[in-house]
């Protein structure tokens, strides 16, 4: 299991993303939700995660991807301003 580096995935430095989070509470909340979802995926992928079905893992990954898409949309709307 690999924890995703959200700033790298989005093409931002951690500092730049932190600045944007500080300016936009909704973006900050989305990033927090993403962090929680990513942790759930990493834990579900761990060898010690007995009983986690493929369907559950897929649902967790889809949830994480949806949140990431919401973050990308939010960043795009900020850039358009």
PDB file of N, CA and C in Angstrom:
ATOM      1  N   UNK A   1       0.826  -1.199   0.000  1.00  0.00           N
ATOM      2  CA  UNK A   1       0.000   0.000   0.000  1.00  0.00           C
ATOM      3  C   UNK A   1       0.869   1.262   0.000  1.00  0.00           C
ATOM      4  N   UNK A   2       0.477   2.202  -0.830  1.00  0.00           N
ATOM      5  CA  UNK A   2       1.246   3.437  -0.962  1.00  0.00           C
ATOM      6  C   UNK A   2       0.342   4.627  -0.701  1.00  0.00           C
ATOM      7  N   UNK A   3       0.770   5.498   0.221  1.00  0.00           N
ATOM      8  CA  UNK A   3       0.039   6.728   0.495  1.00  0.00           C
ATOM      9  C   UNK A   3       0.255   7.668  -0.685  1.00  0.00           C
ATOM     10  N   UNK A   4      -0.810   8.273  -1.179  1.00  0.00           N
ATOM     11  CA  UNK A   4      -0.701   9.190  -2.306  1.00  0.00           C
ATOM     12  C   UNK A   4      -0.225  10.557  -1.834  1.00  0.00           C
ATOM     13  N   UNK A   5       0.644  11.167  -2.630  1.00  0.00           N
ATOM     14  CA  UNK A   5       1.142  12.514  -2.357  1.00  0.00           C
ATOM     15  C   UNK A   5       0.262  13.484  -3.135  1.00  0.00           C
ATOM     16  N   UNK A   6      -0.766  14.005  -2.483  1.00  0.00           N
ATOM     17  CA  UNK A   6      -1.757  14.843  -3.156  1.00  0.00           C
ATOM     18  C   UNK A   6      -1.146  16.070  -3.830  1.00  0.00           C
ATOM     19  N   UNK A   7      -0.295  16.848  -3.154  1.00  0.00           N
ATOM     20  CA  UNK A   7       0.272  18.013  -3.847  1.00  0.00           C
ATOM     21  C   UNK A   7       1.006  17.625  -5.132  1.00  0.00           C
ATOM     22  N   UNK A   8       1.781  16.552  -5.074  1.00  0.00           N
ATOM     23  CA  UNK A   8       2.508  16.090  -6.257  1.00  0.00           C
ATOM     24  C   UNK A   8       1.533  15.656  -7.350  1.00  0.00           C
ATOM     25  N   UNK A   9       0.505  14.906  -6.977  1.00  0.00           N
ATOM     26  CA  UNK A   9      -0.505  14.461  -7.945  1.00  0.00           C
ATOM     27  C   UNK A   9      -1.184  15.639  -8.634  1.00  0.00           C
ATOM     28  N   UNK A  10      -1.364  16.736  -7.893  1.00  0.00           N
ATOM     29  CA  UNK A  10      -2.063  17.904  -8.430  1.00  0.00           C
ATOM     30  C   UNK A  10      -1.126  18.888  -9.123  1.00  0.00           C
ATOM     31  N   UNK A  11       0.185  18.669  -9.005  1.00  0.00           N
ATOM     32  CA  UNK A  11       1.148  19.563  -9.634  1.00  0.00           C
ATOM     33  C   UNK A  11       1.423  20.827  -8.837  1.00  0.00           C
ATOM     34  N   UNK A  12       1.247  20.752  -7.518  1.00  0.00           N
ATOM     35  CA  UNK A  12       1.500  21.882  -6.634  1.00  0.00           C
ATOM     36  C   UNK A  12       2.584  21.505  -5.638  1.00  0.00           C
ATOM     37  N   UNK A  13       3.283  22.510  -5.135  1.00  0.00           N
ATOM     38  CA  UNK A  13       4.156  22.251  -3.995  1.00  0.00           C
ATOM     39  C   UNK A  13       3.257  22.152  -2.760  1.00  0.00           C
ATOM     40  N   UNK A  14       3.774  21.520  -1.724  1.00  0.00           N
ATOM     41  CA  UNK A  14       2.996  21.418  -0.484  1.00  0.00           C
ATOM     42  C   UNK A  14       2.690  22.813   0.051  1.00  0.00           C
ATOM     43  N   UNK A  15       3.659  23.705  -0.046  1.00  0.00           N
ATOM     44  CA  UNK A  15       3.481  25.069   0.457  1.00  0.00           C
ATOM     45  C   UNK A  15       2.382  25.801  -0.313  1.00  0.00           C
ATOM     46  N   UNK A  16       2.387  25.657  -1.639  1.00  0.00           N
ATOM     47  CA  UNK A  16       1.365  26.329  -2.457  1.00  0.00           C
ATOM     48  C   UNK A  16      -0.024  25.794  -2.126  1.00  0.00           C
ATOM     49  N   UNK A  17      -0.128  24.481  -1.962  1.00  0.00           N
ATOM     50  CA  UNK A  17      -1.428  23.895  -1.632  1.00  0.00           C
ATOM     51  C   UNK A  17      -1.873  24.333  -0.233  1.00  0.00           C
ATOM     52  N   UNK A  18      -0.927  24.419   0.696  1.00  0.00           N
ATOM     53  CA  UNK A  18      -1.257  24.904   2.044  1.00  0.00           C
ATOM     54  C   UNK A  18      -1.770  26.341   1.995  1.00  0.00           C
ATOM     55  N   UNK A  19      -1.170  27.169   1.149  1.00  0.00           N
ATOM     56  CA  UNK A  19      -1.620  28.557   0.995  1.00  0.00           C
ATOM     57  C   UNK A  19      -3.046  28.597   0.466  1.00  0.00           C
ATOM     58  N   UNK A  20      -3.319  27.797  -0.558  1.00  0.00           N
ATOM     59  CA  UNK A  20      -4.671  27.751  -1.129  1.00  0.00           C
ATOM     60  C   UNK A  20      -5.683  27.252  -0.099  1.00  0.00           C
ATOM     61  N   UNK A  21      -5.296  26.256   0.682  1.00  0.00           N
ATOM     62  CA  UNK A  21      -6.183  25.753   1.740  1.00  0.00           C
ATOM     63  C   UNK A  21      -6.512  26.856   2.737  1.00  0.00           C
ATOM     64  N   UNK A  22      -5.513  27.672   3.059  1.00  0.00           N
ATOM     65  CA  UNK A  22      -5.718  28.751   4.008  1.00  0.00           C
ATOM     66  C   UNK A  22      -6.663  29.821   3.492  1.00  0.00           C
ATOM     67  N   UNK A  23      -6.760  29.931   2.170  1.00  0.00           N
ATOM     68  CA  UNK A  23      -7.616  30.942   1.551  1.00  0.00           C
ATOM     69  C   UNK A  23      -9.025  30.430   1.272  1.00  0.00           C
ATOM     70  N   UNK A  24      -9.205  29.119   1.308  1.00  0.00           N
ATOM     71  CA  UNK A  24     -10.484  28.530   0.903  1.00  0.00           C
ATOM     72  C   UNK A  24     -10.877  27.407   1.872  1.00  0.00           C
ATOM     73  N   UNK A  25     -11.758  27.692   2.823  1.00  0.00           N
ATOM     74  CA  UNK A  25     -12.159  26.668   3.799  1.00  0.00           C
ATOM     75  C   UNK A  25     -12.793  25.432   3.154  1.00  0.00           C
ATOM     76  N   UNK A  26     -13.522  25.613   2.049  1.00  0.00           N
ATOM     77  CA  UNK A  26     -14.133  24.459   1.380  1.00  0.00           C
ATOM     78  C   UNK A  26     -13.047  23.550   0.797  1.00  0.00           C
ATOM     79  N   UNK A  27     -12.039  24.150   0.179  1.00  0.00           N
ATOM     80  CA  UNK A  27     -10.918  23.371  -0.343  1.00  0.00           C
ATOM     81  C   UNK A  27     -10.206  22.646   0.795  1.00  0.00           C
ATOM     82  N   UNK A  28     -10.005  23.327   1.902  1.00  0.00           N
ATOM     83  CA  UNK A  28      -9.355  22.704   3.059  1.00  0.00           C
ATOM     84  C   UNK A  28     -10.152  21.493   3.544  1.00  0.00           C
ATOM     85  N   UNK A  29     -11.472  21.616   3.565  1.00  0.00           N
ATOM     86  CA  UNK A  29     -12.325  20.500   3.999  1.00  0.00           C
ATOM     87  C   UNK A  29     -12.230  19.332   3.020  1.00  0.00           C
ATOM     88  N   UNK A  30     -12.198  19.635   1.723  1.00  0.00           N
ATOM     89  CA  UNK A  30     -12.064  18.573   0.717  1.00  0.00           C
ATOM     90  C   UNK A  30     -10.729  17.847   0.869  1.00  0.00           C
ATOM     91  N   UNK A  31      -9.672  18.599   1.101  1.00  0.00           N
ATOM     92  CA  UNK A  31      -8.353  17.982   1.256  1.00  0.00           C
ATOM     93  C   UNK A  31      -8.315  17.121   2.515  1.00  0.00           C
ATOM     94  N   UNK A  32      -8.963  17.562   3.570  1.00  0.00           N
ATOM     95  CA  UNK A  32      -9.038  16.752   4.790  1.00  0.00           C
ATOM     96  C   UNK A  32      -9.805  15.448   4.514  1.00  0.00           C
ATOM     97  N   UNK A  33     -10.916  15.554   3.778  1.00  0.00           N
ATOM     98  CA  UNK A  33     -11.683  14.351   3.412  1.00  0.00           C
ATOM     99  C   UNK A  33     -10.822  13.410   2.573  1.00  0.00           C
ATOM    100  N   UNK A  34     -10.029  13.968   1.656  1.00  0.00           N
ATOM    101  CA  UNK A  34      -9.154  13.155   0.814  1.00  0.00           C
ATOM    102  C   UNK A  34      -8.119  12.432   1.677  1.00  0.00           C
ATOM    103  N   UNK A  35      -7.548  13.141   2.633  1.00  0.00           N
ATOM    104  CA  UNK A  35      -6.536  12.550   3.510  1.00  0.00           C
ATOM    105  C   UNK A  35      -7.115  11.361   4.276  1.00  0.00           C
ATOM    106  N   UNK A  36      -8.320  11.521   4.782  1.00  0.00           N
ATOM    107  CA  UNK A  36      -8.992  10.430   5.506  1.00  0.00           C
ATOM    108  C   UNK A  36      -9.269   9.260   4.560  1.00  0.00           C
ATOM    109  N   UNK A  37      -9.781   9.556   3.369  1.00  0.00           N
ATOM    110  CA  UNK A  37     -10.096   8.503   2.397  1.00  0.00           C
ATOM    111  C   UNK A  37      -8.830   7.766   1.964  1.00  0.00           C
ATOM    112  N   UNK A  38      -7.738   8.499   1.756  1.00  0.00           N
ATOM    113  CA  UNK A  38      -6.478   7.876   1.358  1.00  0.00           C
ATOM    114  C   UNK A  38      -5.978   6.947   2.459  1.00  0.00           C
ATOM    115  N   UNK A  39      -6.099   7.386   3.698  1.00  0.00           N
ATOM    116  CA  UNK A  39      -5.687   6.546   4.832  1.00  0.00           C
ATOM    117  C   UNK A  39      -6.517   5.257   4.872  1.00  0.00           C
ATOM    118  N   UNK A  40      -7.815   5.365   4.594  1.00  0.00           N
ATOM    119  CA  UNK A  40      -8.676   4.180   4.584  1.00  0.00           C
ATOM    120  C   UNK A  40      -8.240   3.198   3.496  1.00  0.00           C
ATOM    121  N   UNK A  41      -7.875   3.714   2.325  1.00  0.00           N
ATOM    122  CA  UNK A  41      -7.422   2.845   1.235  1.00  0.00           C
ATOM    123  C   UNK A  41      -6.118   2.158   1.623  1.00  0.00           C
ATOM    124  N   UNK A  42      -5.171   2.919   2.146  1.00  0.00           N
ATOM    125  CA  UNK A  42      -3.877   2.351   2.539  1.00  0.00           C
ATOM    126  C   UNK A  42      -4.079   1.261   3.590  1.00  0.00           C
ATOM    127  N   UNK A  43      -4.938   1.519   4.565  1.00  0.00           N
ATOM    128  CA  UNK A  43      -5.204   0.515   5.604  1.00  0.00           C
ATOM    129  C   UNK A  43      -5.884  -0.720   5.022  1.00  0.00           C
ATOM    130  N   UNK A  44      -6.796  -0.528   4.077  1.00  0.00           N
ATOM    131  CA  UNK A  44      -7.507  -1.658   3.471  1.00  0.00           C
ATOM    132  C   UNK A  44      -6.586  -2.497   2.592  1.00  0.00           C
ATOM    133  N   UNK A  45      -5.543  -1.865   2.033  1.00  0.00           N
ATOM    134  CA  UNK A  45      -4.593  -2.586   1.184  1.00  0.00           C
ATOM    135  C   UNK A  45      -3.512  -3.304   1.986  1.00  0.00           C
ATOM    136  N   UNK A  46      -3.385  -2.981   3.252  1.00  0.00           N
ATOM    137  CA  UNK A  46      -2.336  -3.565   4.086  1.00  0.00           C
ATOM    138  C   UNK A  46      -2.556  -5.068   4.247  1.00  0.00           C
ATOM    139  N   UNK A  47      -1.459  -5.818   4.314  1.00  0.00           N
ATOM    140  CA  UNK A  47      -1.582  -7.266   4.496  1.00  0.00           C
ATOM    141  C   UNK A  47      -2.366  -7.645   5.751  1.00  0.00           C
ATOM    142  N   UNK A  48      -2.349  -6.787   6.748  1.00  0.00           N
ATOM    143  CA  UNK A  48      -3.058  -7.083   7.996  1.00  0.00           C
ATOM    144  C   UNK A  48      -4.560  -6.821   7.899  1.00  0.00           C
ATOM    145  N   UNK A  49      -5.021  -6.303   6.768  1.00  0.00           N
ATOM    146  CA  UNK A  49      -6.445  -5.969   6.598  1.00  0.00           C
ATOM    147  C   UNK A  49      -7.213  -7.213   6.164  1.00  0.00           C
ATOM    148  N   UNK A  50      -7.410  -8.098   7.092  1.00  0.00           N
ATOM    149  CA  UNK A  50      -8.116  -9.339   6.791  1.00  0.00           C
ATOM    150  C   UNK A  50      -9.600  -9.065   6.596  1.00  0.00           C
ATOM    151  N   UNK A  51     -10.185  -9.733   5.637  1.00  0.00           N
ATOM    152  CA  UNK A  51     -11.621  -9.634   5.439  1.00  0.00           C
ATOM    153  C   UNK A  51     -12.066  -8.460   4.592  1.00  0.00           C
ATOM    154  N   UNK A  52     -11.124  -7.661   4.075  1.00  0.00           N
ATOM    155  CA  UNK A  52     -11.507  -6.554   3.197  1.00  0.00           C
ATOM    156  C   UNK A  52     -11.679  -7.124   1.792  1.00  0.00           C
ATOM    157  N   UNK A  53     -12.900  -7.079   1.311  1.00  0.00           N
ATOM    158  CA  UNK A  53     -13.178  -7.641  -0.010  1.00  0.00           C
ATOM    159  C   UNK A  53     -12.714  -6.688  -1.105  1.00  0.00           C
ATOM    160  N   UNK A  54     -12.578  -7.234  -2.307  1.00  0.00           N
ATOM    161  CA  UNK A  54     -12.215  -6.410  -3.457  1.00  0.00           C
ATOM    162  C   UNK A  54     -13.251  -5.319  -3.690  1.00  0.00           C
ATOM    163  N   UNK A  55     -14.512  -5.650  -3.439  1.00  0.00           N
ATOM    164  CA  UNK A  55     -15.587  -4.674  -3.645  1.00  0.00           C
ATOM    165  C   UNK A  55     -15.456  -3.499  -2.680  1.00  0.00           C
ATOM    166  N   UNK A  56     -15.124  -3.805  -1.435  1.00  0.00           N
ATOM    167  CA  UNK A  56     -14.948  -2.746  -0.432  1.00  0.00           C
ATOM    168  C   UNK A  56     -13.748  -1.879  -0.803  1.00  0.00           C
ATOM    169  N   UNK A  57     -12.650  -2.513  -1.186  1.00  0.00           N
ATOM    170  CA  UNK A  57     -11.457  -1.770  -1.574  1.00  0.00           C
ATOM    171  C   UNK A  57     -11.741  -0.884  -2.785  1.00  0.00           C
ATOM    172  N   UNK A  58     -12.443  -1.420  -3.757  1.00  0.00           N
ATOM    173  CA  UNK A  58     -12.796  -0.638  -4.944  1.00  0.00           C
ATOM    174  C   UNK A  58     -13.670   0.557  -4.574  1.00  0.00           C
ATOM    175  N   UNK A  59     -14.621   0.350  -3.685  1.00  0.00           N
ATOM    176  CA  UNK A  59     -15.497   1.450  -3.251  1.00  0.00           C
ATOM    177  C   UNK A  59     -14.693   2.538  -2.546  1.00  0.00           C
ATOM    178  N   UNK A  60     -13.723   2.141  -1.728  1.00  0.00           N
ATOM    179  CA  UNK A  60     -12.876   3.121  -1.047  1.00  0.00           C
ATOM    180  C   UNK A  60     -12.042   3.914  -2.049  1.00  0.00           C
ATOM    181  N   UNK A  61     -11.507   3.219  -3.043  1.00  0.00           N
ATOM    182  CA  UNK A  61     -10.706   3.901  -4.065  1.00  0.00           C
ATOM    183  C   UNK A  61     -11.563   4.852  -4.899  1.00  0.00           C
ATOM    184  N   UNK A  62     -12.783   4.438  -5.207  1.00  0.00           N
ATOM    185  CA  UNK A  62     -13.685   5.307  -5.970  1.00  0.00           C
ATOM    186  C   UNK A  62     -14.051   6.547  -5.164  1.00  0.00           C
ATOM    187  N   UNK A  63     -14.263   6.376  -3.868  1.00  0.00           N
ATOM    188  CA  UNK A  63     -14.569   7.512  -2.990  1.00  0.00           C
ATOM    189  C   UNK A  63     -13.399   8.494  -2.984  1.00  0.00           C
ATOM    190  N   UNK A  64     -12.185   7.955  -2.856  1.00  0.00           N
ATOM    191  CA  UNK A  64     -10.987   8.804  -2.852  1.00  0.00           C
ATOM    192  C   UNK A  64     -10.850   9.547  -4.178  1.00  0.00           C
ATOM    193  N   UNK A  65     -11.092   8.865  -5.282  1.00  0.00           N
ATOM    194  CA  UNK A  65     -10.994   9.493  -6.600  1.00  0.00           C
ATOM    195  C   UNK A  65     -12.038  10.587  -6.782  1.00  0.00           C
ATOM    196  N   UNK A  66     -13.250  10.355  -6.295  1.00  0.00           N
ATOM    197  CA  UNK A  66     -14.317  11.361  -6.391  1.00  0.00           C
ATOM    198  C   UNK A  66     -13.924  12.619  -5.627  1.00  0.00           C
ATOM    199  N   UNK A  67     -13.360  12.445  -4.448  1.00  0.00           N
ATOM    200  CA  UNK A  67     -12.930  13.600  -3.657  1.00  0.00           C
ATOM    201  C   UNK A  67     -11.804  14.332  -4.386  1.00  0.00           C
ATOM    202  N   UNK A  68     -10.876  13.581  -4.963  1.00  0.00           N
ATOM    203  CA  UNK A  68      -9.779  14.210  -5.714  1.00  0.00           C
ATOM    204  C   UNK A  68     -10.334  14.993  -6.899  1.00  0.00           C
ATOM    205  N   UNK A  69     -11.314  14.432  -7.598  1.00  0.00           N
ATOM    206  CA  UNK A  69     -11.957  15.152  -8.707  1.00  0.00           C
ATOM    207  C   UNK A  69     -12.605  16.444  -8.215  1.00  0.00           C
ATOM    208  N   UNK A  70     -13.224  16.399  -7.041  1.00  0.00           N
ATOM    209  CA  UNK A  70     -13.832  17.600  -6.457  1.00  0.00           C
ATOM    210  C   UNK A  70     -12.766  18.652  -6.143  1.00  0.00           C
ATOM    211  N   UNK A  71     -11.610  18.198  -5.673  1.00  0.00           N
ATOM    212  CA  UNK A  71     -10.505  19.119  -5.381  1.00  0.00           C
ATOM    213  C   UNK A  71     -10.010  19.768  -6.669  1.00  0.00           C
ATOM    214  N   UNK A  72      -9.833  18.961  -7.707  1.00  0.00           N
ATOM    215  CA  UNK A  72      -9.376  19.490  -9.000  1.00  0.00           C
ATOM    216  C   UNK A  72     -10.374  20.514  -9.534  1.00  0.00           C
ATOM    217  N   UNK A  73     -11.654  20.216  -9.427  1.00  0.00           N
ATOM    218  CA  UNK A  73     -12.689  21.159  -9.880  1.00  0.00           C
ATOM    219  C   UNK A  73     -12.629  22.454  -9.084  1.00  0.00           C
ATOM    220  N   UNK A  74     -12.441  22.333  -7.785  1.00  0.00           N
ATOM    221  CA  UNK A  74     -12.374  23.522  -6.928  1.00  0.00           C
ATOM    222  C   UNK A  74     -11.156  24.376  -7.295  1.00  0.00           C
ATOM    223  N   UNK A  75     -10.025  23.721  -7.524  1.00  0.00           N
ATOM    224  CA  UNK A  75      -8.819  24.451  -7.908  1.00  0.00           C
ATOM    225  C   UNK A  75      -8.995  25.122  -9.267  1.00  0.00           C
ATOM    226  N   UNK A  76      -9.658  24.442 -10.195  1.00  0.00           N
ATOM    227  CA  UNK A  76      -9.900  25.016 -11.523  1.00  0.00           C
ATOM    228  C   UNK A  76     -10.806  26.235 -11.426  1.00  0.00           C
ATOM    229  N   UNK A  77     -11.808  26.169 -10.561  1.00  0.00           N
ATOM    230  CA  UNK A  77     -12.717  27.311 -10.417  1.00  0.00           C
ATOM    231  C   UNK A  77     -11.991  28.491  -9.772  1.00  0.00           C
ATOM    232  N   UNK A  78     -11.044  28.211  -8.883  1.00  0.00           N
ATOM    233  CA  UNK A  78     -10.248  29.289  -8.286  1.00  0.00           C
ATOM    234  C   UNK A  78      -9.344  29.928  -9.336  1.00  0.00           C
ATOM    235  N   UNK A  79      -8.754  29.106 -10.187  1.00  0.00           N
ATOM    236  CA  UNK A  79      -7.843  29.616 -11.215  1.00  0.00           C
ATOM    237  C   UNK A  79      -8.585  30.458 -12.240  1.00  0.00           C
ATOM    238  N   UNK A  80      -9.861  30.170 -12.442  1.00  0.00           N
ATOM    239  CA  UNK A  80     -10.661  30.893 -13.434  1.00  0.00           C
ATOM    240  C   UNK A  80     -11.069  32.280 -12.942  1.00  0.00           C
ATOM    241  N   UNK A  81     -10.912  32.520 -11.654  1.00  0.00           N
ATOM    242  CA  UNK A  81     -11.314  33.831 -11.098  1.00  0.00           C
ATOM    243  C   UNK A  81     -10.334  34.912 -11.426  1.00  0.00           C
TER     244      UNK A  81
END
